[in-house]
């Protein structure tokens, strides 16, 4: 069975104090820290899920340097930040990071005042991309990959989560409002619905949800 993978990217930007420079221009430094984390799950349809011993993480620091002499341009930000990101982000995630850098930069200056000269400004930009891979093994002819009945999925109820239930075990992200399984385990609504449309087992305890073929 080919592994399925999911990913989630989060961004944060911190403005640091400005410094003076001897050159008559505004210098902007986006200090990027690109983090990648990988988590592997093995789903054995006979024994249940477990983590694979393959935790991996990678961090790539880089700097986007922007020199502004007359006007602040989105094209300049897009070129500099895009080059600093490289191939670490693509598609929508890449566009999101560039747009966030541009919006944070606009917020640093008053539109009614001219851009300052002889100033060097730092922004620390952290980009976290988390990947999780789900590998399947074992026999599924006993019902492992039989989806739960759609009516049963729709009947799952929203609930608040306790402190010890802060994270969704499928995507590893923090929970807010969640859906609770009949076995009492909680997950993000989208995560558990996608899961149950492939397998009627609870990802944690292998509680069996009714299927469309259940008599």
C-alpha atoms as a PDB file:
ATOM      1  CA  UNK A   1       0.000   0.000   0.000  1.00  0.00           C
ATOM      2  CA  UNK A   2       1.443   3.371  -0.960  1.00  0.00           C
ATOM      3  CA  UNK A   3       1.765   5.800   1.982  1.00  0.00           C
ATOM      4  CA  UNK A   4      -0.641   8.700   2.221  1.00  0.00           C
ATOM      5  CA  UNK A   5       0.804  12.005   3.370  1.00  0.00           C
ATOM      6  CA  UNK A   6      -0.597  15.231   4.778  1.00  0.00           C
ATOM      7  CA  UNK A   7       1.060  18.501   5.650  1.00  0.00           C
ATOM      8  CA  UNK A   8       0.392  21.704   7.527  1.00  0.00           C
ATOM      9  CA  UNK A   9       2.339  24.961   7.377  1.00  0.00           C
ATOM     10  CA  UNK A  10       2.344  27.711   9.986  1.00  0.00           C
ATOM     11  CA  UNK A  11       3.999  31.138   9.846  1.00  0.00           C
ATOM     12  CA  UNK A  12       5.093  33.733  12.363  1.00  0.00           C
ATOM     13  CA  UNK A  13       6.946  37.027  11.914  1.00  0.00           C
ATOM     14  CA  UNK A  14       8.585  39.053  14.677  1.00  0.00           C
ATOM     15  CA  UNK A  15       9.729  42.638  14.146  1.00  0.00           C
ATOM     16  CA  UNK A  16      13.060  43.506  15.718  1.00  0.00           C
ATOM     17  CA  UNK A  17      14.474  46.916  16.595  1.00  0.00           C
ATOM     18  CA  UNK A  18      15.661  49.174  13.779  1.00  0.00           C
ATOM     19  CA  UNK A  19      19.299  50.204  13.451  1.00  0.00           C
ATOM     20  CA  UNK A  20      20.971  53.096  11.681  1.00  0.00           C
ATOM     21  CA  UNK A  21      23.104  52.565   8.621  1.00  0.00           C
ATOM     22  CA  UNK A  22      25.685  54.775   6.901  1.00  0.00           C
ATOM     23  CA  UNK A  23      24.000  54.384   3.505  1.00  0.00           C
ATOM     24  CA  UNK A  24      21.071  56.575   2.344  1.00  0.00           C
ATOM     25  CA  UNK A  25      18.469  53.859   1.916  1.00  0.00           C
ATOM     26  CA  UNK A  26      16.080  51.652   3.837  1.00  0.00           C
ATOM     27  CA  UNK A  27      17.474  48.154   4.288  1.00  0.00           C
ATOM     28  CA  UNK A  28      15.062  45.364   5.201  1.00  0.00           C
ATOM     29  CA  UNK A  29      16.230  41.959   6.333  1.00  0.00           C
ATOM     30  CA  UNK A  30      13.794  39.055   6.497  1.00  0.00           C
ATOM     31  CA  UNK A  31      15.670  36.448   8.521  1.00  0.00           C
ATOM     32  CA  UNK A  32      13.932  33.233   7.505  1.00  0.00           C
ATOM     33  CA  UNK A  33      14.065  30.025   9.464  1.00  0.00           C
ATOM     34  CA  UNK A  34      12.466  27.235   7.455  1.00  0.00           C
ATOM     35  CA  UNK A  35      11.629  24.191   9.584  1.00  0.00           C
ATOM     36  CA  UNK A  36      10.469  20.816   8.263  1.00  0.00           C
ATOM     37  CA  UNK A  37       9.275  18.031  10.512  1.00  0.00           C
ATOM     38  CA  UNK A  38       8.349  14.524   9.405  1.00  0.00           C
ATOM     39  CA  UNK A  39       6.310  12.005  11.371  1.00  0.00           C
ATOM     40  CA  UNK A  40       5.604   8.493  10.160  1.00  0.00           C
ATOM     41  CA  UNK A  41       2.695   6.309  11.203  1.00  0.00           C
ATOM     42  CA  UNK A  42       2.332   2.630  10.523  1.00  0.00           C
ATOM     43  CA  UNK A  43      -1.247   1.350  10.440  1.00  0.00           C
ATOM     44  CA  UNK A  44      -1.335  -2.414  10.760  1.00  0.00           C
ATOM     45  CA  UNK A  45      -4.892  -3.555  10.207  1.00  0.00           C
ATOM     46  CA  UNK A  46      -4.350  -6.535  12.482  1.00  0.00           C
ATOM     47  CA  UNK A  47      -2.632  -4.872  15.461  1.00  0.00           C
ATOM     48  CA  UNK A  48      -3.523  -1.161  15.196  1.00  0.00           C
ATOM     49  CA  UNK A  49      -1.519   2.054  14.686  1.00  0.00           C
ATOM     50  CA  UNK A  50       1.899   2.986  15.991  1.00  0.00           C
ATOM     51  CA  UNK A  51       4.636   5.534  15.285  1.00  0.00           C
ATOM     52  CA  UNK A  52       7.485   4.419  13.096  1.00  0.00           C
ATOM     53  CA  UNK A  53      10.900   5.160  14.635  1.00  0.00           C
ATOM     54  CA  UNK A  54      11.732   7.668  11.918  1.00  0.00           C
ATOM     55  CA  UNK A  55      11.398  11.172  13.414  1.00  0.00           C
ATOM     56  CA  UNK A  56      13.117  13.629  11.127  1.00  0.00           C
ATOM     57  CA  UNK A  57      13.514  17.383  11.271  1.00  0.00           C
ATOM     58  CA  UNK A  58      15.350  19.884   9.146  1.00  0.00           C
ATOM     59  CA  UNK A  59      16.009  23.608   9.517  1.00  0.00           C
ATOM     60  CA  UNK A  60      17.267  25.941   6.779  1.00  0.00           C
ATOM     61  CA  UNK A  61      18.180  29.518   7.771  1.00  0.00           C
ATOM     62  CA  UNK A  62      18.342  32.175   5.053  1.00  0.00           C
ATOM     63  CA  UNK A  63      17.963  35.934   4.665  1.00  0.00           C
ATOM     64  CA  UNK A  64      15.928  37.972   2.206  1.00  0.00           C
ATOM     65  CA  UNK A  65      17.645  41.331   1.709  1.00  0.00           C
ATOM     66  CA  UNK A  66      15.570  44.206   0.325  1.00  0.00           C
ATOM     67  CA  UNK A  67      17.048  47.632  -0.441  1.00  0.00           C
ATOM     68  CA  UNK A  68      14.490  50.441  -0.805  1.00  0.00           C
ATOM     69  CA  UNK A  69      15.708  53.738  -2.257  1.00  0.00           C
ATOM     70  CA  UNK A  70      12.498  55.274  -3.568  1.00  0.00           C
ATOM     71  CA  UNK A  71       9.353  53.167  -3.366  1.00  0.00           C
ATOM     72  CA  UNK A  72       8.433  50.001  -1.526  1.00  0.00           C
ATOM     73  CA  UNK A  73       7.433  47.417  -4.134  1.00  0.00           C
ATOM     74  CA  UNK A  74       5.610  44.112  -3.769  1.00  0.00           C
ATOM     75  CA  UNK A  75       7.675  42.794  -6.691  1.00  0.00           C
ATOM     76  CA  UNK A  76      10.874  43.425  -4.733  1.00  0.00           C
ATOM     77  CA  UNK A  77       9.498  41.601  -1.703  1.00  0.00           C
ATOM     78  CA  UNK A  78       8.230  38.733  -3.839  1.00  0.00           C
ATOM     79  CA  UNK A  79      11.598  38.328  -5.550  1.00  0.00           C
ATOM     80  CA  UNK A  80      13.699  38.537  -2.376  1.00  0.00           C
ATOM     81  CA  UNK A  81      11.520  36.432  -0.069  1.00  0.00           C
ATOM     82  CA  UNK A  82      10.758  33.941  -2.844  1.00  0.00           C
ATOM     83  CA  UNK A  83      14.467  33.435  -3.516  1.00  0.00           C
ATOM     84  CA  UNK A  84      15.137  32.937   0.214  1.00  0.00           C
ATOM     85  CA  UNK A  85      12.369  30.335   0.469  1.00  0.00           C
ATOM     86  CA  UNK A  86      13.640  28.459  -2.582  1.00  0.00           C
ATOM     87  CA  UNK A  87      11.970  25.088  -3.084  1.00  0.00           C
ATOM     88  CA  UNK A  88      11.069  24.690   0.581  1.00  0.00           C
ATOM     89  CA  UNK A  89       7.511  25.895  -0.096  1.00  0.00           C
ATOM     90  CA  UNK A  90       5.470  25.664  -3.254  1.00  0.00           C
ATOM     91  CA  UNK A  91       2.102  26.686  -4.584  1.00  0.00           C
ATOM     92  CA  UNK A  92      -0.350  28.233  -2.140  1.00  0.00           C
ATOM     93  CA  UNK A  93       2.000  27.918   0.839  1.00  0.00           C
ATOM     94  CA  UNK A  94       4.731  29.842  -0.960  1.00  0.00           C
ATOM     95  CA  UNK A  95       2.320  32.606  -2.005  1.00  0.00           C
ATOM     96  CA  UNK A  96       0.985  32.800   1.547  1.00  0.00           C
ATOM     97  CA  UNK A  97       4.478  33.314   2.999  1.00  0.00           C
ATOM     98  CA  UNK A  98       5.330  36.078   0.507  1.00  0.00           C
ATOM     99  CA  UNK A  99       2.018  37.859   1.030  1.00  0.00           C
ATOM    100  CA  UNK A 100       2.430  37.671   4.810  1.00  0.00           C
ATOM    101  CA  UNK A 101       5.896  39.233   4.552  1.00  0.00           C
ATOM    102  CA  UNK A 102       4.497  42.020   2.375  1.00  0.00           C
ATOM    103  CA  UNK A 103       1.573  42.734   4.723  1.00  0.00           C
ATOM    104  CA  UNK A 104       3.846  42.805   7.778  1.00  0.00           C
ATOM    105  CA  UNK A 105       6.176  45.172   5.985  1.00  0.00           C
ATOM    106  CA  UNK A 106       3.361  47.562   5.047  1.00  0.00           C
ATOM    107  CA  UNK A 107       2.232  47.592   8.650  1.00  0.00           C
ATOM    108  CA  UNK A 108       5.659  48.780   9.794  1.00  0.00           C
ATOM    109  CA  UNK A 109       5.346  52.164   8.066  1.00  0.00           C
ATOM    110  CA  UNK A 110       2.789  54.934   8.064  1.00  0.00           C
ATOM    111  CA  UNK A 111       1.279  55.519   4.600  1.00  0.00           C
ATOM    112  CA  UNK A 112       1.239  59.276   5.264  1.00  0.00           C
ATOM    113  CA  UNK A 113       4.973  59.511   5.923  1.00  0.00           C
ATOM    114  CA  UNK A 114       7.910  59.037   3.537  1.00  0.00           C
ATOM    115  CA  UNK A 115       9.992  55.919   3.938  1.00  0.00           C
ATOM    116  CA  UNK A 116      12.919  56.425   6.312  1.00  0.00           C
ATOM    117  CA  UNK A 117      16.513  56.516   5.086  1.00  0.00           C
ATOM    118  CA  UNK A 118      19.642  55.401   6.881  1.00  0.00           C
ATOM    119  CA  UNK A 119      17.609  52.668   8.591  1.00  0.00           C
ATOM    120  CA  UNK A 120      18.115  48.919   8.751  1.00  0.00           C
ATOM    121  CA  UNK A 121      15.099  46.914   9.850  1.00  0.00           C
ATOM    122  CA  UNK A 122      15.007  43.227  10.834  1.00  0.00           C
ATOM    123  CA  UNK A 123      12.095  40.807  10.689  1.00  0.00           C
ATOM    124  CA  UNK A 124      12.436  37.250  11.987  1.00  0.00           C
ATOM    125  CA  UNK A 125      10.216  34.945   9.967  1.00  0.00           C
ATOM    126  CA  UNK A 126       9.620  31.359  11.100  1.00  0.00           C
ATOM    127  CA  UNK A 127       8.003  28.926   8.691  1.00  0.00           C
ATOM    128  CA  UNK A 128       7.074  25.507  10.071  1.00  0.00           C
ATOM    129  CA  UNK A 129       5.975  22.761   7.698  1.00  0.00           C
ATOM    130  CA  UNK A 130       4.897  19.510   9.287  1.00  0.00           C
ATOM    131  CA  UNK A 131       4.470  16.360   7.225  1.00  0.00           C
ATOM    132  CA  UNK A 132       2.974  13.127   8.401  1.00  0.00           C
ATOM    133  CA  UNK A 133       3.012   9.936   6.385  1.00  0.00           C
ATOM    134  CA  UNK A 134       0.585   7.077   6.959  1.00  0.00           C
ATOM    135  CA  UNK A 135       1.792   3.637   5.889  1.00  0.00           C
ATOM    136  CA  UNK A 136      -0.551   0.651   5.804  1.00  0.00           C
ATOM    137  CA  UNK A 137       0.327  -3.008   6.148  1.00  0.00           C
ATOM    138  CA  UNK A 138      -1.282  -6.299   7.012  1.00  0.00           C
ATOM    139  CA  UNK A 139      -4.434  -7.926   5.771  1.00  0.00           C
ATOM    140  CA  UNK A 140      -7.412  -5.750   5.027  1.00  0.00           C
ATOM    141  CA  UNK A 141      -9.699  -8.499   3.786  1.00  0.00           C
ATOM    142  CA  UNK A 142     -11.191  -8.778   7.265  1.00  0.00           C
ATOM    143  CA  UNK A 143     -12.675  -5.312   7.026  1.00  0.00           C
ATOM    144  CA  UNK A 144      -9.647  -3.114   7.736  1.00  0.00           C
ATOM    145  CA  UNK A 145     -10.266  -0.807   4.780  1.00  0.00           C
ATOM    146  CA  UNK A 146     -14.060  -1.067   4.776  1.00  0.00           C
ATOM    147  CA  UNK A 147     -15.494   2.432   5.315  1.00  0.00           C
ATOM    148  CA  UNK A 148     -17.898   3.233   8.091  1.00  0.00           C
ATOM    149  CA  UNK A 149     -21.503   3.857   7.202  1.00  0.00           C
ATOM    150  CA  UNK A 150     -22.035   7.459   6.134  1.00  0.00           C
ATOM    151  CA  UNK A 151     -25.036   7.798   8.440  1.00  0.00           C
ATOM    152  CA  UNK A 152     -22.865   6.789  11.417  1.00  0.00           C
ATOM    153  CA  UNK A 153     -20.232   9.363  10.438  1.00  0.00           C
ATOM    154  CA  UNK A 154     -22.869  12.113  10.296  1.00  0.00           C
ATOM    155  CA  UNK A 155     -24.060  11.166  13.783  1.00  0.00           C
ATOM    156  CA  UNK A 156     -20.707  11.942  15.438  1.00  0.00           C
ATOM    157  CA  UNK A 157     -21.210  14.857  17.824  1.00  0.00           C
ATOM    158  CA  UNK A 158     -19.051  17.905  18.473  1.00  0.00           C
ATOM    159  CA  UNK A 159     -17.505  18.214  21.918  1.00  0.00           C
ATOM    160  CA  UNK A 160     -15.100  20.330  23.899  1.00  0.00           C
ATOM    161  CA  UNK A 161     -11.787  18.704  24.700  1.00  0.00           C
ATOM    162  CA  UNK A 162     -10.048  18.111  28.002  1.00  0.00           C
ATOM    163  CA  UNK A 163      -6.451  19.140  28.726  1.00  0.00           C
ATOM    164  CA  UNK A 164      -5.191  15.600  28.135  1.00  0.00           C
ATOM    165  CA  UNK A 165      -6.957  15.539  24.739  1.00  0.00           C
ATOM    166  CA  UNK A 166      -5.295  18.640  23.313  1.00  0.00           C
ATOM    167  CA  UNK A 167      -4.035  17.088  20.077  1.00  0.00           C
ATOM    168  CA  UNK A 168      -5.639  15.215  17.221  1.00  0.00           C
ATOM    169  CA  UNK A 169      -3.913  11.844  16.882  1.00  0.00           C
ATOM    170  CA  UNK A 170      -4.431  11.806  13.122  1.00  0.00           C
ATOM    171  CA  UNK A 171      -2.921  15.164  12.096  1.00  0.00           C
ATOM    172  CA  UNK A 172      -1.019  15.926  15.354  1.00  0.00           C
ATOM    173  CA  UNK A 173      -2.374  19.489  15.423  1.00  0.00           C
ATOM    174  CA  UNK A 174      -3.979  21.126  18.468  1.00  0.00           C
ATOM    175  CA  UNK A 175      -7.687  20.550  18.959  1.00  0.00           C
ATOM    176  CA  UNK A 176     -10.355  23.151  19.571  1.00  0.00           C
ATOM    177  CA  UNK A 177     -13.849  21.835  18.974  1.00  0.00           C
ATOM    178  CA  UNK A 178     -13.637  18.176  18.022  1.00  0.00           C
ATOM    179  CA  UNK A 179     -15.750  15.152  17.166  1.00  0.00           C
ATOM    180  CA  UNK A 180     -15.976  12.323  19.705  1.00  0.00           C
ATOM    181  CA  UNK A 181     -16.114   8.687  18.635  1.00  0.00           C
ATOM    182  CA  UNK A 182     -18.401   6.232  20.473  1.00  0.00           C
ATOM    183  CA  UNK A 183     -15.227   4.818  22.063  1.00  0.00           C
ATOM    184  CA  UNK A 184     -14.618   8.324  23.562  1.00  0.00           C
ATOM    185  CA  UNK A 185     -11.535   9.200  21.481  1.00  0.00           C
ATOM    186  CA  UNK A 186     -11.619  12.697  19.939  1.00  0.00           C
ATOM    187  CA  UNK A 187     -10.282  14.024  16.637  1.00  0.00           C
ATOM    188  CA  UNK A 188     -10.656  16.970  14.299  1.00  0.00           C
ATOM    189  CA  UNK A 189     -13.934  16.637  12.441  1.00  0.00           C
ATOM    190  CA  UNK A 190     -12.352  16.655   8.998  1.00  0.00           C
ATOM    191  CA  UNK A 191      -9.612  14.222  10.041  1.00  0.00           C
ATOM    192  CA  UNK A 192     -11.859  11.552  11.516  1.00  0.00           C
ATOM    193  CA  UNK A 193     -14.461  11.833   8.754  1.00  0.00           C
ATOM    194  CA  UNK A 194     -11.794  11.321   6.075  1.00  0.00           C
ATOM    195  CA  UNK A 195     -10.409   8.411   8.097  1.00  0.00           C
ATOM    196  CA  UNK A 196     -13.771   6.692   8.581  1.00  0.00           C
ATOM    197  CA  UNK A 197     -14.560   6.974   4.889  1.00  0.00           C
ATOM    198  CA  UNK A 198     -11.592   4.647   4.343  1.00  0.00           C
ATOM    199  CA  UNK A 199     -11.627   2.439   7.439  1.00  0.00           C
ATOM    200  CA  UNK A 200     -14.328   1.802  10.052  1.00  0.00           C
ATOM    201  CA  UNK A 201     -11.757   1.256  12.840  1.00  0.00           C
ATOM    202  CA  UNK A 202     -10.913   3.932  15.417  1.00  0.00           C
ATOM    203  CA  UNK A 203      -7.302   4.997  14.686  1.00  0.00           C
ATOM    204  CA  UNK A 204      -6.359   4.543  18.361  1.00  0.00           C
ATOM    205  CA  UNK A 205      -8.226   1.582  19.841  1.00  0.00           C
ATOM    206  CA  UNK A 206      -9.648  -0.191  16.760  1.00  0.00           C
ATOM    207  CA  UNK A 207     -13.222   0.216  17.956  1.00  0.00           C
ATOM    208  CA  UNK A 208     -15.371  -0.827  14.989  1.00  0.00           C
ATOM    209  CA  UNK A 209     -17.920   1.617  13.649  1.00  0.00           C
ATOM    210  CA  UNK A 210     -20.908   0.111  11.833  1.00  0.00           C
ATOM    211  CA  UNK A 211     -20.400  -0.239   8.099  1.00  0.00           C
ATOM    212  CA  UNK A 212     -22.845  -0.046   5.234  1.00  0.00           C
ATOM    213  CA  UNK A 213     -22.718  -3.848   5.041  1.00  0.00           C
ATOM    214  CA  UNK A 214     -23.225  -4.441   8.783  1.00  0.00           C
ATOM    215  CA  UNK A 215     -26.194  -6.687   9.315  1.00  0.00           C
END
